[in-house]
């Protein structure tokens, strides 16, 4: 049986996010005892972020969104999420190689 590490106490959510970006939860949680659950009233949190785009980029984004029949803001979130995940996966893989 693998001995689990003790989970530290975090000062805030940002400190916890930094911790989990550098650690594997399997070292702290026995996932074999996890149970599936549903959170019916869970609301996704979001925050508006003012950002400036070159007009040509925004036009191309709107064009692609129109082809998919979705709002361009939704497409932007989808593309950004995919890009961030790709970066995180390649970054975590790179740190494991070292």
PDB file of N, CA and C in Angstrom:
ATOM      1  N   UNK A   1       0.834  -1.185   0.000  1.00  0.00           N
ATOM      2  CA  UNK A   1       0.000   0.000   0.000  1.00  0.00           C
ATOM      3  C   UNK A   1       0.882   1.253   0.000  1.00  0.00           C
ATOM      4  N   UNK A   2       0.537   2.195  -0.859  1.00  0.00           N
ATOM      5  CA  UNK A   2       1.312   3.429  -0.984  1.00  0.00           C
ATOM      6  C   UNK A   2       0.864   4.412   0.088  1.00  0.00           C
ATOM      7  N   UNK A   3       1.848   5.001   0.779  1.00  0.00           N
ATOM      8  CA  UNK A   3       1.527   5.991   1.805  1.00  0.00           C
ATOM      9  C   UNK A   3       1.304   7.340   1.125  1.00  0.00           C
ATOM     10  N   UNK A   4       0.149   7.940   1.399  1.00  0.00           N
ATOM     11  CA  UNK A   4      -0.184   9.227   0.809  1.00  0.00           C
ATOM     12  C   UNK A   4       0.498  10.357   1.558  1.00  0.00           C
ATOM     13  N   UNK A   5       0.853  11.393   0.829  1.00  0.00           N
ATOM     14  CA  UNK A   5       1.452  12.581   1.429  1.00  0.00           C
ATOM     15  C   UNK A   5       0.362  13.409   2.093  1.00  0.00           C
ATOM     16  N   UNK A   6       0.752  14.191   3.080  1.00  0.00           N
ATOM     17  CA  UNK A   6      -0.195  15.071   3.766  1.00  0.00           C
ATOM     18  C   UNK A   6      -0.411  16.322   2.930  1.00  0.00           C
ATOM     19  N   UNK A   7      -1.667  16.637   2.715  1.00  0.00           N
ATOM     20  CA  UNK A   7      -2.032  17.807   1.916  1.00  0.00           C
ATOM     21  C   UNK A   7      -1.768  19.072   2.731  1.00  0.00           C
ATOM     22  N   UNK A   8      -1.032  20.038   2.175  1.00  0.00           N
ATOM     23  CA  UNK A   8      -0.763  21.274   2.925  1.00  0.00           C
ATOM     24  C   UNK A   8      -2.007  22.145   3.023  1.00  0.00           C
ATOM     25  N   UNK A   9      -1.989  23.072   3.957  1.00  0.00           N
ATOM     26  CA  UNK A   9      -3.066  24.064   4.056  1.00  0.00           C
ATOM     27  C   UNK A   9      -2.654  25.244   3.177  1.00  0.00           C
ATOM     28  N   UNK A  10      -3.607  25.754   2.422  1.00  0.00           N
ATOM     29  CA  UNK A  10      -3.317  26.820   1.476  1.00  0.00           C
ATOM     30  C   UNK A  10      -3.797  28.162   2.009  1.00  0.00           C
ATOM     31  N   UNK A  11      -3.010  29.206   1.747  1.00  0.00           N
ATOM     32  CA  UNK A  11      -3.375  30.559   2.172  1.00  0.00           C
ATOM     33  C   UNK A  11      -4.568  31.082   1.382  1.00  0.00           C
ATOM     34  N   UNK A  12      -4.616  30.701   0.104  1.00  0.00           N
ATOM     35  CA  UNK A  12      -5.699  31.184  -0.758  1.00  0.00           C
ATOM     36  C   UNK A  12      -5.808  30.266  -1.978  1.00  0.00           C
ATOM     37  N   UNK A  13      -6.781  30.569  -2.820  1.00  0.00           N
ATOM     38  CA  UNK A  13      -7.028  29.750  -4.005  1.00  0.00           C
ATOM     39  C   UNK A  13      -5.853  29.795  -4.976  1.00  0.00           C
ATOM     40  N   UNK A  14      -5.210  30.943  -5.086  1.00  0.00           N
ATOM     41  CA  UNK A  14      -4.066  31.068  -5.991  1.00  0.00           C
ATOM     42  C   UNK A  14      -2.910  30.166  -5.534  1.00  0.00           C
ATOM     43  N   UNK A  15      -2.658  30.134  -4.239  1.00  0.00           N
ATOM     44  CA  UNK A  15      -1.595  29.276  -3.715  1.00  0.00           C
ATOM     45  C   UNK A  15      -1.911  27.806  -3.987  1.00  0.00           C
ATOM     46  N   UNK A  16      -3.185  27.443  -3.865  1.00  0.00           N
ATOM     47  CA  UNK A  16      -3.586  26.070  -4.149  1.00  0.00           C
ATOM     48  C   UNK A  16      -3.418  25.745  -5.635  1.00  0.00           C
ATOM     49  N   UNK A  17      -3.778  26.689  -6.494  1.00  0.00           N
ATOM     50  CA  UNK A  17      -3.629  26.472  -7.940  1.00  0.00           C
ATOM     51  C   UNK A  17      -2.161  26.267  -8.306  1.00  0.00           C
ATOM     52  N   UNK A  18      -1.277  27.050  -7.704  1.00  0.00           N
ATOM     53  CA  UNK A  18       0.164  26.907  -7.969  1.00  0.00           C
ATOM     54  C   UNK A  18       0.643  25.533  -7.495  1.00  0.00           C
ATOM     55  N   UNK A  19       0.184  25.137  -6.320  1.00  0.00           N
ATOM     56  CA  UNK A  19       0.567  23.832  -5.776  1.00  0.00           C
ATOM     57  C   UNK A  19       0.165  22.706  -6.720  1.00  0.00           C
ATOM     58  N   UNK A  20      -1.111  22.699  -7.161  1.00  0.00           N
ATOM     59  CA  UNK A  20      -1.601  21.608  -8.006  1.00  0.00           C
ATOM     60  C   UNK A  20      -1.002  21.644  -9.398  1.00  0.00           C
ATOM     61  N   UNK A  21      -0.507  22.782  -9.831  1.00  0.00           N
ATOM     62  CA  UNK A  21       0.141  22.829 -11.145  1.00  0.00           C
ATOM     63  C   UNK A  21       1.503  22.136 -11.113  1.00  0.00           C
ATOM     64  N   UNK A  22       2.027  21.895  -9.901  1.00  0.00           N
ATOM     65  CA  UNK A  22       3.354  21.303  -9.761  1.00  0.00           C
ATOM     66  C   UNK A  22       3.344  19.927  -9.094  1.00  0.00           C
ATOM     67  N   UNK A  23       2.156  19.460  -8.660  1.00  0.00           N
ATOM     68  CA  UNK A  23       2.075  18.193  -7.936  1.00  0.00           C
ATOM     69  C   UNK A  23       1.005  17.287  -8.536  1.00  0.00           C
ATOM     70  N   UNK A  24       1.196  15.995  -8.372  1.00  0.00           N
ATOM     71  CA  UNK A  24       0.244  15.004  -8.846  1.00  0.00           C
ATOM     72  C   UNK A  24      -0.707  14.651  -7.705  1.00  0.00           C
ATOM     73  N   UNK A  25      -2.006  14.755  -7.977  1.00  0.00           N
ATOM     74  CA  UNK A  25      -2.994  14.480  -6.928  1.00  0.00           C
ATOM     75  C   UNK A  25      -2.929  13.035  -6.443  1.00  0.00           C
ATOM     76  N   UNK A  26      -2.431  12.125  -7.259  1.00  0.00           N
ATOM     77  CA  UNK A  26      -2.343  10.720  -6.860  1.00  0.00           C
ATOM     78  C   UNK A  26      -1.398  10.518  -5.671  1.00  0.00           C
ATOM     79  N   UNK A  27      -0.518  11.482  -5.431  1.00  0.00           N
ATOM     80  CA  UNK A  27       0.367  11.413  -4.263  1.00  0.00           C
ATOM     81  C   UNK A  27      -0.356  11.809  -2.979  1.00  0.00           C
ATOM     82  N   UNK A  28      -1.536  12.438  -3.111  1.00  0.00           N
ATOM     83  CA  UNK A  28      -2.245  12.980  -1.959  1.00  0.00           C
ATOM     84  C   UNK A  28      -3.646  12.402  -1.767  1.00  0.00           C
ATOM     85  N   UNK A  29      -4.187  11.777  -2.814  1.00  0.00           N
ATOM     86  CA  UNK A  29      -5.568  11.293  -2.767  1.00  0.00           C
ATOM     87  C   UNK A  29      -5.612   9.842  -3.230  1.00  0.00           C
ATOM     88  N   UNK A  30      -6.325   9.003  -2.498  1.00  0.00           N
ATOM     89  CA  UNK A  30      -6.531   7.617  -2.921  1.00  0.00           C
ATOM     90  C   UNK A  30      -7.745   7.602  -3.838  1.00  0.00           C
ATOM     91  N   UNK A  31      -7.493   7.726  -5.134  1.00  0.00           N
ATOM     92  CA  UNK A  31      -8.581   7.834  -6.111  1.00  0.00           C
ATOM     93  C   UNK A  31      -9.379   6.545  -6.246  1.00  0.00           C
ATOM     94  N   UNK A  32      -8.850   5.421  -5.756  1.00  0.00           N
ATOM     95  CA  UNK A  32      -9.605   4.167  -5.830  1.00  0.00           C
ATOM     96  C   UNK A  32     -10.828   4.205  -4.915  1.00  0.00           C
ATOM     97  N   UNK A  33     -10.830   5.114  -3.950  1.00  0.00           N
ATOM     98  CA  UNK A  33     -11.970   5.259  -3.034  1.00  0.00           C
ATOM     99  C   UNK A  33     -12.922   6.381  -3.458  1.00  0.00           C
ATOM    100  N   UNK A  34     -12.634   7.011  -4.582  1.00  0.00           N
ATOM    101  CA  UNK A  34     -13.477   8.113  -5.057  1.00  0.00           C
ATOM    102  C   UNK A  34     -14.835   7.595  -5.503  1.00  0.00           C
ATOM    103  N   UNK A  35     -15.851   8.423  -5.311  1.00  0.00           N
ATOM    104  CA  UNK A  35     -17.210   8.082  -5.730  1.00  0.00           C
ATOM    105  C   UNK A  35     -17.705   9.148  -6.690  1.00  0.00           C
ATOM    106  N   UNK A  36     -18.434   8.717  -7.715  1.00  0.00           N
ATOM    107  CA  UNK A  36     -19.029   9.664  -8.651  1.00  0.00           C
ATOM    108  C   UNK A  36     -20.162  10.392  -7.954  1.00  0.00           C
ATOM    109  N   UNK A  37     -20.299  11.663  -8.288  1.00  0.00           N
ATOM    110  CA  UNK A  37     -21.377  12.465  -7.715  1.00  0.00           C
ATOM    111  C   UNK A  37     -21.827  13.495  -8.734  1.00  0.00           C
ATOM    112  N   UNK A  38     -22.957  14.080  -8.478  1.00  0.00           N
ATOM    113  CA  UNK A  38     -23.512  15.107  -9.355  1.00  0.00           C
ATOM    114  C   UNK A  38     -23.742  16.361  -8.516  1.00  0.00           C
ATOM    115  N   UNK A  39     -23.368  17.504  -9.066  1.00  0.00           N
ATOM    116  CA  UNK A  39     -23.591  18.787  -8.422  1.00  0.00           C
ATOM    117  C   UNK A  39     -24.610  19.554  -9.260  1.00  0.00           C
ATOM    118  N   UNK A  40     -25.905  19.345  -9.027  1.00  0.00           N
ATOM    119  CA  UNK A  40     -26.921  19.930  -9.911  1.00  0.00           C
ATOM    120  C   UNK A  40     -26.982  21.449  -9.885  1.00  0.00           C
ATOM    121  N   UNK A  41     -26.613  22.062  -8.785  1.00  0.00           N
ATOM    122  CA  UNK A  41     -26.725  23.518  -8.676  1.00  0.00           C
ATOM    123  C   UNK A  41     -25.395  24.233  -8.840  1.00  0.00           C
ATOM    124  N   UNK A  42     -24.381  23.500  -9.273  1.00  0.00           N
ATOM    125  CA  UNK A  42     -23.066  24.089  -9.435  1.00  0.00           C
ATOM    126  C   UNK A  42     -23.068  25.058 -10.613  1.00  0.00           C
ATOM    127  N   UNK A  43     -22.641  26.255 -10.363  1.00  0.00           N
ATOM    128  CA  UNK A  43     -22.610  27.266 -11.417  1.00  0.00           C
ATOM    129  C   UNK A  43     -21.147  27.536 -11.794  1.00  0.00           C
ATOM    130  N   UNK A  44     -20.909  27.550 -13.072  1.00  0.00           N
ATOM    131  CA  UNK A  44     -19.559  27.859 -13.536  1.00  0.00           C
ATOM    132  C   UNK A  44     -19.233  29.307 -13.189  1.00  0.00           C
ATOM    133  N   UNK A  45     -18.039  29.528 -12.737  1.00  0.00           N
ATOM    134  CA  UNK A  45     -17.633  30.889 -12.422  1.00  0.00           C
ATOM    135  C   UNK A  45     -16.869  31.459 -13.604  1.00  0.00           C
ATOM    136  N   UNK A  46     -17.127  32.689 -13.871  1.00  0.00           N
ATOM    137  CA  UNK A  46     -16.397  33.371 -14.937  1.00  0.00           C
ATOM    138  C   UNK A  46     -16.249  34.832 -14.559  1.00  0.00           C
ATOM    139  N   UNK A  47     -15.345  35.472 -15.232  1.00  0.00           N
ATOM    140  CA  UNK A  47     -15.066  36.876 -14.959  1.00  0.00           C
ATOM    141  C   UNK A  47     -14.822  37.567 -16.289  1.00  0.00           C
ATOM    142  N   UNK A  48     -15.459  38.704 -16.507  1.00  0.00           N
ATOM    143  CA  UNK A  48     -15.170  39.433 -17.749  1.00  0.00           C
ATOM    144  C   UNK A  48     -13.743  39.964 -17.730  1.00  0.00           C
ATOM    145  N   UNK A  49     -13.093  39.865 -18.874  1.00  0.00           N
ATOM    146  CA  UNK A  49     -11.708  40.318 -19.001  1.00  0.00           C
ATOM    147  C   UNK A  49     -11.608  41.232 -20.217  1.00  0.00           C
ATOM    148  N   UNK A  50     -11.297  42.489 -19.984  1.00  0.00           N
ATOM    149  CA  UNK A  50     -11.139  43.379 -21.146  1.00  0.00           C
ATOM    150  C   UNK A  50      -9.846  43.041 -21.882  1.00  0.00           C
ATOM    151  N   UNK A  51      -9.959  42.874 -23.163  1.00  0.00           N
ATOM    152  CA  UNK A  51      -8.791  42.518 -23.964  1.00  0.00           C
ATOM    153  C   UNK A  51      -8.948  43.142 -25.348  1.00  0.00           C
ATOM    154  N   UNK A  52      -7.853  43.595 -25.898  1.00  0.00           N
ATOM    155  CA  UNK A  52      -7.884  44.207 -27.237  1.00  0.00           C
ATOM    156  C   UNK A  52      -7.303  43.228 -28.237  1.00  0.00           C
ATOM    157  N   UNK A  53      -7.990  43.098 -29.379  1.00  0.00           N
ATOM    158  CA  UNK A  53      -7.542  42.235 -30.459  1.00  0.00           C
ATOM    159  C   UNK A  53      -7.304  43.075 -31.697  1.00  0.00           C
ATOM    160  N   UNK A  54      -6.352  42.688 -32.502  1.00  0.00           N
ATOM    161  CA  UNK A  54      -6.235  43.333 -33.811  1.00  0.00           C
ATOM    162  C   UNK A  54      -7.547  43.103 -34.581  1.00  0.00           C
ATOM    163  N   UNK A  55      -7.981  44.107 -35.320  1.00  0.00           N
ATOM    164  CA  UNK A  55      -9.245  44.025 -36.042  1.00  0.00           C
ATOM    165  C   UNK A  55      -9.264  42.819 -36.973  1.00  0.00           C
ATOM    166  N   UNK A  56      -8.153  42.550 -37.635  1.00  0.00           N
ATOM    167  CA  UNK A  56      -8.115  41.421 -38.576  1.00  0.00           C
ATOM    168  C   UNK A  56      -8.293  40.079 -37.855  1.00  0.00           C
ATOM    169  N   UNK A  57      -7.706  39.934 -36.665  1.00  0.00           N
ATOM    170  CA  UNK A  57      -7.860  38.709 -35.896  1.00  0.00           C
ATOM    171  C   UNK A  57      -9.308  38.544 -35.452  1.00  0.00           C
ATOM    172  N   UNK A  58      -9.905  39.605 -34.969  1.00  0.00           N
ATOM    173  CA  UNK A  58     -11.294  39.558 -34.531  1.00  0.00           C
ATOM    174  C   UNK A  58     -12.217  39.200 -35.699  1.00  0.00           C
ATOM    175  N   UNK A  59     -11.951  39.752 -36.866  1.00  0.00           N
ATOM    176  CA  UNK A  59     -12.758  39.442 -38.057  1.00  0.00           C
ATOM    177  C   UNK A  59     -12.645  37.965 -38.414  1.00  0.00           C
ATOM    178  N   UNK A  60     -11.436  37.420 -38.356  1.00  0.00           N
ATOM    179  CA  UNK A  60     -11.245  36.001 -38.670  1.00  0.00           C
ATOM    180  C   UNK A  60     -11.916  35.111 -37.630  1.00  0.00           C
ATOM    181  N   UNK A  61     -11.838  35.510 -36.366  1.00  0.00           N
ATOM    182  CA  UNK A  61     -12.500  34.766 -35.297  1.00  0.00           C
ATOM    183  C   UNK A  61     -14.020  34.759 -35.504  1.00  0.00           C
ATOM    184  N   UNK A  62     -14.577  35.915 -35.845  1.00  0.00           N
ATOM    185  CA  UNK A  62     -16.017  36.000 -36.093  1.00  0.00           C
ATOM    186  C   UNK A  62     -16.416  35.156 -37.297  1.00  0.00           C
ATOM    187  N   UNK A  63     -15.580  35.143 -38.323  1.00  0.00           N
ATOM    188  CA  UNK A  63     -15.845  34.338 -39.509  1.00  0.00           C
ATOM    189  C   UNK A  63     -15.918  32.845 -39.141  1.00  0.00           C
ATOM    190  N   UNK A  64     -14.926  32.378 -38.386  1.00  0.00           N
ATOM    191  CA  UNK A  64     -14.901  30.974 -37.976  1.00  0.00           C
ATOM    192  C   UNK A  64     -16.090  30.630 -37.079  1.00  0.00           C
ATOM    193  N   UNK A  65     -16.423  31.524 -36.175  1.00  0.00           N
ATOM    194  CA  UNK A  65     -17.561  31.294 -35.279  1.00  0.00           C
ATOM    195  C   UNK A  65     -18.857  31.226 -36.078  1.00  0.00           C
ATOM    196  N   UNK A  66     -18.995  32.094 -37.055  1.00  0.00           N
ATOM    197  CA  UNK A  66     -20.190  32.093 -37.890  1.00  0.00           C
ATOM    198  C   UNK A  66     -20.333  30.769 -38.643  1.00  0.00           C
ATOM    199  N   UNK A  67     -19.217  30.225 -39.116  1.00  0.00           N
ATOM    200  CA  UNK A  67     -19.247  28.933 -39.803  1.00  0.00           C
ATOM    201  C   UNK A  67     -19.725  27.819 -38.871  1.00  0.00           C
ATOM    202  N   UNK A  68     -19.448  27.958 -37.584  1.00  0.00           N
ATOM    203  CA  UNK A  68     -19.853  26.942 -36.592  1.00  0.00           C
ATOM    204  C   UNK A  68     -21.214  27.268 -35.956  1.00  0.00           C
ATOM    205  N   UNK A  69     -21.766  28.413 -36.310  1.00  0.00           N
ATOM    206  CA  UNK A  69     -23.057  28.858 -35.761  1.00  0.00           C
ATOM    207  C   UNK A  69     -23.004  29.028 -34.238  1.00  0.00           C
ATOM    208  N   UNK A  70     -21.908  29.615 -33.776  1.00  0.00           N
ATOM    209  CA  UNK A  70     -21.774  29.909 -32.350  1.00  0.00           C
ATOM    210  C   UNK A  70     -21.270  31.341 -32.195  1.00  0.00           C
ATOM    211  N   UNK A  71     -21.511  31.955 -31.033  1.00  0.00           N
ATOM    212  CA  UNK A  71     -20.969  33.303 -30.802  1.00  0.00           C
ATOM    213  C   UNK A  71     -19.434  33.282 -30.813  1.00  0.00           C
ATOM    214  N   UNK A  72     -18.850  34.365 -31.300  1.00  0.00           N
ATOM    215  CA  UNK A  72     -17.383  34.387 -31.394  1.00  0.00           C
ATOM    216  C   UNK A  72     -16.724  34.313 -30.026  1.00  0.00           C
ATOM    217  N   UNK A  73     -17.398  34.842 -28.978  1.00  0.00           N
ATOM    218  CA  UNK A  73     -16.823  34.747 -27.632  1.00  0.00           C
ATOM    219  C   UNK A  73     -16.730  33.283 -27.193  1.00  0.00           C
ATOM    220  N   UNK A  74     -17.740  32.489 -27.554  1.00  0.00           N
ATOM    221  CA  UNK A  74     -17.717  31.062 -27.205  1.00  0.00           C
ATOM    222  C   UNK A  74     -16.576  30.357 -27.931  1.00  0.00           C
ATOM    223  N   UNK A  75     -16.415  30.662 -29.207  1.00  0.00           N
ATOM    224  CA  UNK A  75     -15.322  30.064 -29.970  1.00  0.00           C
ATOM    225  C   UNK A  75     -13.976  30.478 -29.384  1.00  0.00           C
ATOM    226  N   UNK A  76     -13.855  31.720 -29.002  1.00  0.00           N
ATOM    227  CA  UNK A  76     -12.612  32.199 -28.403  1.00  0.00           C
ATOM    228  C   UNK A  76     -12.282  31.405 -27.139  1.00  0.00           C
ATOM    229  N   UNK A  77     -13.279  31.165 -26.288  1.00  0.00           N
ATOM    230  CA  UNK A  77     -13.058  30.381 -25.065  1.00  0.00           C
ATOM    231  C   UNK A  77     -12.644  28.948 -25.395  1.00  0.00           C
ATOM    232  N   UNK A  78     -13.286  28.360 -26.408  1.00  0.00           N
ATOM    233  CA  UNK A  78     -12.945  26.993 -26.810  1.00  0.00           C
ATOM    234  C   UNK A  78     -11.497  26.920 -27.291  1.00  0.00           C
ATOM    235  N   UNK A  79     -11.133  27.834 -28.186  1.00  0.00           N
ATOM    236  CA  UNK A  79      -9.774  27.827 -28.732  1.00  0.00           C
ATOM    237  C   UNK A  79      -8.727  28.117 -27.667  1.00  0.00           C
ATOM    238  N   UNK A  80      -9.028  29.039 -26.788  1.00  0.00           N
ATOM    239  CA  UNK A  80      -8.096  29.378 -25.720  1.00  0.00           C
ATOM    240  C   UNK A  80      -7.925  28.212 -24.748  1.00  0.00           C
ATOM    241  N   UNK A  81      -9.025  27.556 -24.406  1.00  0.00           N
ATOM    242  CA  UNK A  81      -8.957  26.395 -23.513  1.00  0.00           C
ATOM    243  C   UNK A  81      -8.081  25.300 -24.118  1.00  0.00           C
ATOM    244  N   UNK A  82      -8.282  25.000 -25.404  1.00  0.00           N
ATOM    245  CA  UNK A  82      -7.478  23.974 -26.076  1.00  0.00           C
ATOM    246  C   UNK A  82      -5.997  24.350 -26.068  1.00  0.00           C
ATOM    247  N   UNK A  83      -5.721  25.602 -26.333  1.00  0.00           N
ATOM    248  CA  UNK A  83      -4.337  26.063 -26.380  1.00  0.00           C
ATOM    249  C   UNK A  83      -3.676  25.992 -25.001  1.00  0.00           C
ATOM    250  N   UNK A  84      -4.400  26.399 -23.979  1.00  0.00           N
ATOM    251  CA  UNK A  84      -3.862  26.364 -22.615  1.00  0.00           C
ATOM    252  C   UNK A  84      -3.601  24.924 -22.190  1.00  0.00           C
ATOM    253  N   UNK A  85      -4.552  24.023 -22.467  1.00  0.00           N
ATOM    254  CA  UNK A  85      -4.356  22.616 -22.118  1.00  0.00           C
ATOM    255  C   UNK A  85      -3.137  22.041 -22.824  1.00  0.00           C
ATOM    256  N   UNK A  86      -2.983  22.375 -24.097  1.00  0.00           N
ATOM    257  CA  UNK A  86      -1.835  21.888 -24.862  1.00  0.00           C
ATOM    258  C   UNK A  86      -0.530  22.388 -24.237  1.00  0.00           C
ATOM    259  N   UNK A  87      -0.492  23.662 -23.878  1.00  0.00           N
ATOM    260  CA  UNK A  87       0.703  24.240 -23.256  1.00  0.00           C
ATOM    261  C   UNK A  87       0.992  23.588 -21.908  1.00  0.00           C
ATOM    262  N   UNK A  88      -0.049  23.402 -21.106  1.00  0.00           N
ATOM    263  CA  UNK A  88       0.144  22.788 -19.792  1.00  0.00           C
ATOM    264  C   UNK A  88       0.624  21.351 -19.917  1.00  0.00           C
ATOM    265  N   UNK A  89       0.050  20.621 -20.857  1.00  0.00           N
ATOM    266  CA  UNK A  89       0.469  19.237 -21.057  1.00  0.00           C
ATOM    267  C   UNK A  89       1.911  19.149 -21.529  1.00  0.00           C
ATOM    268  N   UNK A  90       2.290  20.024 -22.446  1.00  0.00           N
ATOM    269  CA  UNK A  90       3.674  19.981 -22.914  1.00  0.00           C
ATOM    270  C   UNK A  90       4.626  20.494 -21.842  1.00  0.00           C
ATOM    271  N   UNK A  91       4.185  21.452 -21.043  1.00  0.00           N
ATOM    272  CA  UNK A  91       5.035  21.968 -19.962  1.00  0.00           C
ATOM    273  C   UNK A  91       5.207  20.920 -18.867  1.00  0.00           C
ATOM    274  N   UNK A  92       4.130  20.214 -18.502  1.00  0.00           N
ATOM    275  CA  UNK A  92       4.250  19.205 -17.451  1.00  0.00           C
ATOM    276  C   UNK A  92       5.068  18.022 -17.936  1.00  0.00           C
ATOM    277  N   UNK A  93       4.918  17.702 -19.227  1.00  0.00           N
ATOM    278  CA  UNK A  93       5.726  16.615 -19.787  1.00  0.00           C
ATOM    279  C   UNK A  93       7.195  16.981 -19.796  1.00  0.00           C
ATOM    280  N   UNK A  94       7.491  18.218 -20.125  1.00  0.00           N
ATOM    281  CA  UNK A  94       8.879  18.689 -20.180  1.00  0.00           C
ATOM    282  C   UNK A  94       9.509  18.645 -18.796  1.00  0.00           C
ATOM    283  N   UNK A  95       8.746  18.990 -17.743  1.00  0.00           N
ATOM    284  CA  UNK A  95       9.330  18.973 -16.405  1.00  0.00           C
ATOM    285  C   UNK A  95       9.541  17.549 -15.921  1.00  0.00           C
ATOM    286  N   UNK A  96       8.715  16.591 -16.388  1.00  0.00           N
ATOM    287  CA  UNK A  96       8.917  15.204 -15.994  1.00  0.00           C
ATOM    288  C   UNK A  96      10.130  14.590 -16.700  1.00  0.00           C
ATOM    289  N   UNK A  97      10.467  15.100 -17.863  1.00  0.00           N
ATOM    290  CA  UNK A  97      11.606  14.581 -18.611  1.00  0.00           C
ATOM    291  C   UNK A  97      12.905  14.979 -17.911  1.00  0.00           C
ATOM    292  N   UNK A  98      12.918  16.189 -17.326  1.00  0.00           N
ATOM    293  CA  UNK A  98      14.139  16.669 -16.659  1.00  0.00           C
ATOM    294  C   UNK A  98      14.339  15.905 -15.431  1.00  0.00           C
TER     295      UNK A  98
END
